[in-house]
Amino acid sequence: MYVGRFIVVSPEVGAYRVSSRSFPNRKATTRDGTITVGPTADAPETDNPYISYNCVRLTDRGAVLGNGSHVDPIAEKLALGYPAKDALAEPLLALDFEKDDYDTPRIAGIVGLEDDPSATADGSSAFIGTVRRDALLVEEVDEPTLVATYERDSPGAFDLEATDAAGAARELYDHEFEHQVCAAGVAATEDGFETAVVNEE
């Protein structure tokens, strides 16, 4: 099954995978608390605005994951103290679904969220969201939850076994969903967050 790009989030660990039939020549790179998806050196030139973006941004309140340029404003709002639900919903609503040939949804999540006024769970919590042509969905989750750009475009349970960033990235990269390109993982630790990436080998 091809579900396109997808994320899985839970209170302590999350991951994002790029799956692509049209633009497979991409990789994930890590720098200064950010994971960026971008073209490989041998990728053909394109003016597609949805090819390069930050897919993971760390803040002192939680880690933000997503499939496009909305990740940055979500992280900025979270760092400014917005409730997680608002930090997710406002940029998703403002930027809306991607204006490509498929009306691709935007997907995003927050992992390792601490002391959030919109959270109902004690300790760390997580939120997941998507904006599609027909809906904006944002919800708090306490178990691993997946949302994808196609087929699985509403949040639903996912059997994530990994408990660390490297394991989460590897697990999503190796998942049976088709056309994997790269993956990024993030996990809450006592000292903040750890991240990891898996690129095509």
C-alpha atoms as a PDB file:
ATOM      1  CA  MET A   1       0.000   0.000   0.000  1.00  0.00           C
ATOM      2  CA  TYR A   2       1.183   3.505  -0.827  1.00  0.00           C
ATOM      3  CA  VAL A   3       0.253   6.045   1.845  1.00  0.00           C
ATOM      4  CA  GLY A   4       2.713   8.794   0.917  1.00  0.00           C
ATOM      5  CA  ARG A   5       4.443  10.667   3.721  1.00  0.00           C
ATOM      6  CA  PHE A   6       3.422   9.712   7.243  1.00  0.00           C
ATOM      7  CA  ILE A   7       4.113  10.334  10.904  1.00  0.00           C
ATOM      8  CA  VAL A   8       3.666   8.282  14.058  1.00  0.00           C
ATOM      9  CA  VAL A   9       3.570  10.042  17.424  1.00  0.00           C
ATOM     10  CA  SER A  10       3.232   8.969  21.040  1.00  0.00           C
ATOM     11  CA  PRO A  11       3.987  10.786  24.295  1.00  0.00           C
ATOM     12  CA  GLU A  12       7.644   9.688  24.377  1.00  0.00           C
ATOM     13  CA  VAL A  13       8.679   8.798  20.813  1.00  0.00           C
ATOM     14  CA  GLY A  14       7.756   9.683  17.258  1.00  0.00           C
ATOM     15  CA  ALA A  15       8.942   9.343  13.685  1.00  0.00           C
ATOM     16  CA  TYR A  16       8.349  10.663  10.182  1.00  0.00           C
ATOM     17  CA  ARG A  17       8.887   8.925   6.854  1.00  0.00           C
ATOM     18  CA  VAL A  18       9.135  10.290   3.359  1.00  0.00           C
ATOM     19  CA  SER A  19       7.566   7.914   0.848  1.00  0.00           C
ATOM     20  CA  SER A  20       7.532   9.166  -2.713  1.00  0.00           C
ATOM     21  CA  ARG A  21       6.896   7.927  -6.225  1.00  0.00           C
ATOM     22  CA  SER A  22       7.618  11.271  -7.911  1.00  0.00           C
ATOM     23  CA  PHE A  23      10.636  12.641  -5.992  1.00  0.00           C
ATOM     24  CA  PRO A  24      12.652   9.741  -4.497  1.00  0.00           C
ATOM     25  CA  ASN A  25      16.051  11.478  -4.662  1.00  0.00           C
ATOM     26  CA  ARG A  26      15.927  12.989  -1.190  1.00  0.00           C
ATOM     27  CA  LYS A  27      17.611  12.505   2.168  1.00  0.00           C
ATOM     28  CA  ALA A  28      17.235  13.587   5.782  1.00  0.00           C
ATOM     29  CA  THR A  29      20.034  15.533   7.476  1.00  0.00           C
ATOM     30  CA  THR A  30      20.449  16.612  11.088  1.00  0.00           C
ATOM     31  CA  ARG A  31      21.731  19.972  12.307  1.00  0.00           C
ATOM     32  CA  ASP A  32      21.246  21.919  15.536  1.00  0.00           C
ATOM     33  CA  GLY A  33      18.033  20.306  16.770  1.00  0.00           C
ATOM     34  CA  THR A  34      16.471  20.255  13.310  1.00  0.00           C
ATOM     35  CA  ILE A  35      16.071  17.477  10.735  1.00  0.00           C
ATOM     36  CA  THR A  36      15.721  18.679   7.164  1.00  0.00           C
ATOM     37  CA  VAL A  37      14.479  16.785   4.115  1.00  0.00           C
ATOM     38  CA  GLY A  38      16.126  17.891   0.898  1.00  0.00           C
ATOM     39  CA  PRO A  39      17.330  16.675  -2.498  1.00  0.00           C
ATOM     40  CA  THR A  40      20.364  14.443  -2.889  1.00  0.00           C
ATOM     41  CA  ALA A  41      23.318  15.637  -4.945  1.00  0.00           C
ATOM     42  CA  ASP A  42      22.130  13.658  -7.973  1.00  0.00           C
ATOM     43  CA  ALA A  43      18.498  14.804  -7.792  1.00  0.00           C
ATOM     44  CA  PRO A  44      17.096  16.459 -10.913  1.00  0.00           C
ATOM     45  CA  GLU A  45      16.367  20.161 -10.599  1.00  0.00           C
ATOM     46  CA  THR A  46      12.805  21.074  -9.702  1.00  0.00           C
ATOM     47  CA  ASP A  47      10.848  24.149  -8.706  1.00  0.00           C
ATOM     48  CA  ASN A  48       8.426  22.091  -6.618  1.00  0.00           C
ATOM     49  CA  PRO A  49       8.020  23.993  -3.302  1.00  0.00           C
ATOM     50  CA  TYR A  50       7.179  20.830  -1.349  1.00  0.00           C
ATOM     51  CA  ILE A  51      10.478  18.962  -1.842  1.00  0.00           C
ATOM     52  CA  SER A  52      12.644  20.617   0.847  1.00  0.00           C
ATOM     53  CA  TYR A  53      11.548  21.438   4.402  1.00  0.00           C
ATOM     54  CA  ASN A  54      12.296  20.898   8.077  1.00  0.00           C
ATOM     55  CA  CYS A  55      10.540  17.686   9.147  1.00  0.00           C
ATOM     56  CA  VAL A  56      11.619  17.791  12.833  1.00  0.00           C
ATOM     57  CA  ARG A  57      12.136  20.841  15.054  1.00  0.00           C
ATOM     58  CA  LEU A  58      13.017  20.592  18.733  1.00  0.00           C
ATOM     59  CA  THR A  59      11.749  23.096  21.291  1.00  0.00           C
ATOM     60  CA  ASP A  60      12.077  23.211  25.059  1.00  0.00           C
ATOM     61  CA  ARG A  61       8.405  22.136  25.308  1.00  0.00           C
ATOM     62  CA  GLY A  62       8.265  19.333  22.756  1.00  0.00           C
ATOM     63  CA  ALA A  63       9.444  17.999  19.398  1.00  0.00           C
ATOM     64  CA  VAL A  64       7.462  18.894  16.283  1.00  0.00           C
ATOM     65  CA  LEU A  65       7.270  16.540  13.287  1.00  0.00           C
ATOM     66  CA  GLY A  66       5.599  17.091   9.935  1.00  0.00           C
ATOM     67  CA  ASN A  67       5.681  16.948   6.158  1.00  0.00           C
ATOM     68  CA  GLY A  68       6.298  20.544   5.148  1.00  0.00           C
ATOM     69  CA  SER A  69       6.876  24.219   5.834  1.00  0.00           C
ATOM     70  CA  HIS A  70       4.212  24.262   8.568  1.00  0.00           C
ATOM     71  CA  VAL A  71       6.673  22.544  10.957  1.00  0.00           C
ATOM     72  CA  ASP A  72       8.531  25.814  11.558  1.00  0.00           C
ATOM     73  CA  PRO A  73       5.559  27.986  12.606  1.00  0.00           C
ATOM     74  CA  ILE A  74       4.193  25.161  14.758  1.00  0.00           C
ATOM     75  CA  ALA A  75       7.539  24.938  16.580  1.00  0.00           C
ATOM     76  CA  GLU A  76       7.704  28.719  16.941  1.00  0.00           C
ATOM     77  CA  LYS A  77       4.218  28.922  18.440  1.00  0.00           C
ATOM     78  CA  LEU A  78       4.956  26.021  20.779  1.00  0.00           C
ATOM     79  CA  ALA A  79       8.171  27.732  21.950  1.00  0.00           C
ATOM     80  CA  LEU A  80       6.198  30.950  22.564  1.00  0.00           C
ATOM     81  CA  GLY A  81       3.893  29.123  24.967  1.00  0.00           C
ATOM     82  CA  TYR A  82       0.824  28.478  22.824  1.00  0.00           C
ATOM     83  CA  PRO A  83      -1.223  25.464  23.942  1.00  0.00           C
ATOM     84  CA  ALA A  84      -0.210  22.511  21.770  1.00  0.00           C
ATOM     85  CA  LYS A  85      -3.616  22.206  20.143  1.00  0.00           C
ATOM     86  CA  ASP A  86      -3.492  25.863  19.049  1.00  0.00           C
ATOM     87  CA  ALA A  87       0.161  25.636  17.986  1.00  0.00           C
ATOM     88  CA  LEU A  88      -0.802  22.777  15.661  1.00  0.00           C
ATOM     89  CA  ALA A  89      -4.162  23.995  14.447  1.00  0.00           C
ATOM     90  CA  GLU A  90      -3.349  27.616  13.577  1.00  0.00           C
ATOM     91  CA  PRO A  91      -0.488  26.965  11.086  1.00  0.00           C
ATOM     92  CA  LEU A  92      -2.289  23.978   9.577  1.00  0.00           C
ATOM     93  CA  LEU A  93      -5.393  26.081   9.046  1.00  0.00           C
ATOM     94  CA  ALA A  94      -3.426  29.075   7.744  1.00  0.00           C
ATOM     95  CA  LEU A  95      -1.273  27.120   5.270  1.00  0.00           C
ATOM     96  CA  ASP A  96      -4.011  24.610   4.378  1.00  0.00           C
ATOM     97  CA  PHE A  97      -3.463  21.477   2.298  1.00  0.00           C
ATOM     98  CA  GLU A  98      -0.716  21.510  -0.328  1.00  0.00           C
ATOM     99  CA  LYS A  99      -1.820  23.050  -3.614  1.00  0.00           C
ATOM    100  CA  ASP A 100      -0.406  20.264  -5.786  1.00  0.00           C
ATOM    101  CA  ASP A 101      -2.106  17.905  -8.250  1.00  0.00           C
ATOM    102  CA  TYR A 102      -3.331  15.691  -5.400  1.00  0.00           C
ATOM    103  CA  ASP A 103      -4.441  18.261  -2.797  1.00  0.00           C
ATOM    104  CA  THR A 104      -1.946  16.562  -0.483  1.00  0.00           C
ATOM    105  CA  PRO A 105      -2.797  16.958   3.213  1.00  0.00           C
ATOM    106  CA  ARG A 106      -0.381  18.529   5.667  1.00  0.00           C
ATOM    107  CA  ILE A 107       0.369  16.324   8.666  1.00  0.00           C
ATOM    108  CA  ALA A 108       2.067  17.212  11.963  1.00  0.00           C
ATOM    109  CA  GLY A 109       2.591  16.005  15.496  1.00  0.00           C
ATOM    110  CA  ILE A 110       4.149  16.999  18.811  1.00  0.00           C
ATOM    111  CA  VAL A 111       6.060  14.466  20.947  1.00  0.00           C
ATOM    112  CA  GLY A 112       7.303  14.730  24.534  1.00  0.00           C
ATOM    113  CA  LEU A 113       5.053  17.638  25.399  1.00  0.00           C
ATOM    114  CA  GLU A 114       5.446  18.807  28.990  1.00  0.00           C
ATOM    115  CA  ASP A 115       3.040  20.828  31.163  1.00  0.00           C
ATOM    116  CA  ASP A 116       0.665  21.858  28.409  1.00  0.00           C
ATOM    117  CA  PRO A 117      -2.650  23.505  29.317  1.00  0.00           C
ATOM    118  CA  SER A 118      -4.429  21.748  26.432  1.00  0.00           C
ATOM    119  CA  ALA A 119      -3.203  18.282  27.460  1.00  0.00           C
ATOM    120  CA  THR A 120      -5.275  15.989  29.651  1.00  0.00           C
ATOM    121  CA  ALA A 121      -2.554  13.436  30.396  1.00  0.00           C
ATOM    122  CA  ASP A 122      -0.212  13.611  33.386  1.00  0.00           C
ATOM    123  CA  GLY A 123       3.461  13.936  32.449  1.00  0.00           C
ATOM    124  CA  SER A 124       4.451  13.862  28.768  1.00  0.00           C
ATOM    125  CA  SER A 125       1.739  13.971  26.156  1.00  0.00           C
ATOM    126  CA  ALA A 126       1.451  14.049  22.379  1.00  0.00           C
ATOM    127  CA  PHE A 127      -0.758  15.667  19.755  1.00  0.00           C
ATOM    128  CA  ILE A 128      -1.331  14.819  16.115  1.00  0.00           C
ATOM    129  CA  GLY A 129      -3.020  16.777  13.367  1.00  0.00           C
ATOM    130  CA  THR A 130      -3.786  17.009   9.683  1.00  0.00           C
ATOM    131  CA  VAL A 131      -5.445  19.447   7.329  1.00  0.00           C
ATOM    132  CA  ARG A 132      -7.125  17.987   4.239  1.00  0.00           C
ATOM    133  CA  ARG A 133      -9.338  19.542   1.596  1.00  0.00           C
ATOM    134  CA  ASP A 134     -12.360  18.483   3.667  1.00  0.00           C
ATOM    135  CA  ALA A 135     -11.215  18.682   7.302  1.00  0.00           C
ATOM    136  CA  LEU A 136      -8.883  19.973   9.995  1.00  0.00           C
ATOM    137  CA  LEU A 137      -8.252  17.299  12.637  1.00  0.00           C
ATOM    138  CA  VAL A 138      -6.181  17.854  15.796  1.00  0.00           C
ATOM    139  CA  GLU A 139      -6.257  15.519  18.778  1.00  0.00           C
ATOM    140  CA  GLU A 140      -4.301  14.468  21.832  1.00  0.00           C
ATOM    141  CA  VAL A 141      -3.024  10.879  21.766  1.00  0.00           C
ATOM    142  CA  ASP A 142      -1.650   8.608  24.472  1.00  0.00           C
ATOM    143  CA  GLU A 143      -0.741   5.607  22.269  1.00  0.00           C
ATOM    144  CA  PRO A 144       1.274   5.464  19.022  1.00  0.00           C
ATOM    145  CA  THR A 145      -0.916   7.083  16.358  1.00  0.00           C
ATOM    146  CA  LEU A 146      -0.354   7.385  12.616  1.00  0.00           C
ATOM    147  CA  VAL A 147      -1.590   9.858  10.045  1.00  0.00           C
ATOM    148  CA  ALA A 148      -0.529   9.804   6.397  1.00  0.00           C
ATOM    149  CA  THR A 149      -1.058  11.977   3.358  1.00  0.00           C
ATOM    150  CA  TYR A 150      -2.978   9.275   1.454  1.00  0.00           C
ATOM    151  CA  GLU A 151      -5.172   6.276   2.350  1.00  0.00           C
ATOM    152  CA  ARG A 152      -4.605   6.683   6.134  1.00  0.00           C
ATOM    153  CA  ASP A 153      -5.366  10.418   6.240  1.00  0.00           C
ATOM    154  CA  SER A 154      -7.217  10.342   9.578  1.00  0.00           C
ATOM    155  CA  PRO A 155      -5.319   9.636  12.825  1.00  0.00           C
ATOM    156  CA  GLY A 156      -5.418   5.967  13.791  1.00  0.00           C
ATOM    157  CA  ALA A 157      -3.641   3.457  16.026  1.00  0.00           C
ATOM    158  CA  PHE A 158      -0.250   2.145  14.917  1.00  0.00           C
ATOM    159  CA  ASP A 159       1.815  -0.643  16.461  1.00  0.00           C
ATOM    160  CA  LEU A 160       5.138   1.156  17.059  1.00  0.00           C
ATOM    161  CA  GLU A 161       7.538  -0.997  19.056  1.00  0.00           C
ATOM    162  CA  ALA A 162      10.562   1.334  19.131  1.00  0.00           C
ATOM    163  CA  THR A 163      11.335   3.263  22.295  1.00  0.00           C
ATOM    164  CA  ASP A 164      14.236   5.398  21.035  1.00  0.00           C
ATOM    165  CA  ALA A 165      14.827   7.742  18.096  1.00  0.00           C
ATOM    166  CA  ALA A 166      17.050   5.405  16.074  1.00  0.00           C
ATOM    167  CA  GLY A 167      14.661   2.492  16.498  1.00  0.00           C
ATOM    168  CA  ALA A 168      11.643   4.607  15.525  1.00  0.00           C
ATOM    169  CA  ALA A 169      13.316   5.934  12.375  1.00  0.00           C
ATOM    170  CA  ARG A 170      14.404   2.438  11.369  1.00  0.00           C
ATOM    171  CA  GLU A 171      11.001   0.917  12.116  1.00  0.00           C
ATOM    172  CA  LEU A 172       9.171   3.421   9.924  1.00  0.00           C
ATOM    173  CA  TYR A 173      11.756   3.217   7.152  1.00  0.00           C
ATOM    174  CA  ASP A 174      11.446  -0.579   7.081  1.00  0.00           C
ATOM    175  CA  HIS A 175       7.647  -0.620   7.273  1.00  0.00           C
ATOM    176  CA  GLU A 176       5.809  -2.391   4.467  1.00  0.00           C
ATOM    177  CA  PHE A 177       4.260   0.813   3.123  1.00  0.00           C
ATOM    178  CA  GLU A 178       5.677   1.341  -0.364  1.00  0.00           C
ATOM    179  CA  HIS A 179       8.323   3.671  -1.829  1.00  0.00           C
ATOM    180  CA  GLN A 180      10.341   4.581   1.267  1.00  0.00           C
ATOM    181  CA  VAL A 181      12.893   7.350   0.767  1.00  0.00           C
ATOM    182  CA  CYS A 182      14.124   8.416   4.228  1.00  0.00           C
ATOM    183  CA  ALA A 183      12.968   8.583   7.832  1.00  0.00           C
ATOM    184  CA  ALA A 184      13.544  10.638  10.968  1.00  0.00           C
ATOM    185  CA  GLY A 185      13.003   9.667  14.594  1.00  0.00           C
ATOM    186  CA  VAL A 186      12.773  11.622  17.837  1.00  0.00           C
ATOM    187  CA  ALA A 187      12.473  10.545  21.463  1.00  0.00           C
ATOM    188  CA  ALA A 188      12.168  12.366  24.764  1.00  0.00           C
ATOM    189  CA  THR A 189      15.055  11.793  27.196  1.00  0.00           C
ATOM    190  CA  GLU A 190      15.943  13.038  30.663  1.00  0.00           C
ATOM    191  CA  ASP A 191      18.125  15.704  29.038  1.00  0.00           C
ATOM    192  CA  GLY A 192      15.756  16.803  26.281  1.00  0.00           C
ATOM    193  CA  PHE A 193      15.437  14.936  22.983  1.00  0.00           C
ATOM    194  CA  GLU A 194      17.467  12.567  20.851  1.00  0.00           C
ATOM    195  CA  THR A 195      17.072  12.383  17.073  1.00  0.00           C
ATOM    196  CA  ALA A 196      18.085   9.965  14.333  1.00  0.00           C
ATOM    197  CA  VAL A 197      17.763   9.600  10.580  1.00  0.00           C
ATOM    198  CA  VAL A 198      17.718   6.697   8.128  1.00  0.00           C
ATOM    199  CA  ASN A 199      18.479   7.311   4.465  1.00  0.00           C
ATOM    200  CA  GLU A 200      18.399   4.979   1.486  1.00  0.00           C
ATOM    201  CA  GLU A 201      21.382   2.645   1.713  1.00  0.00           C
END
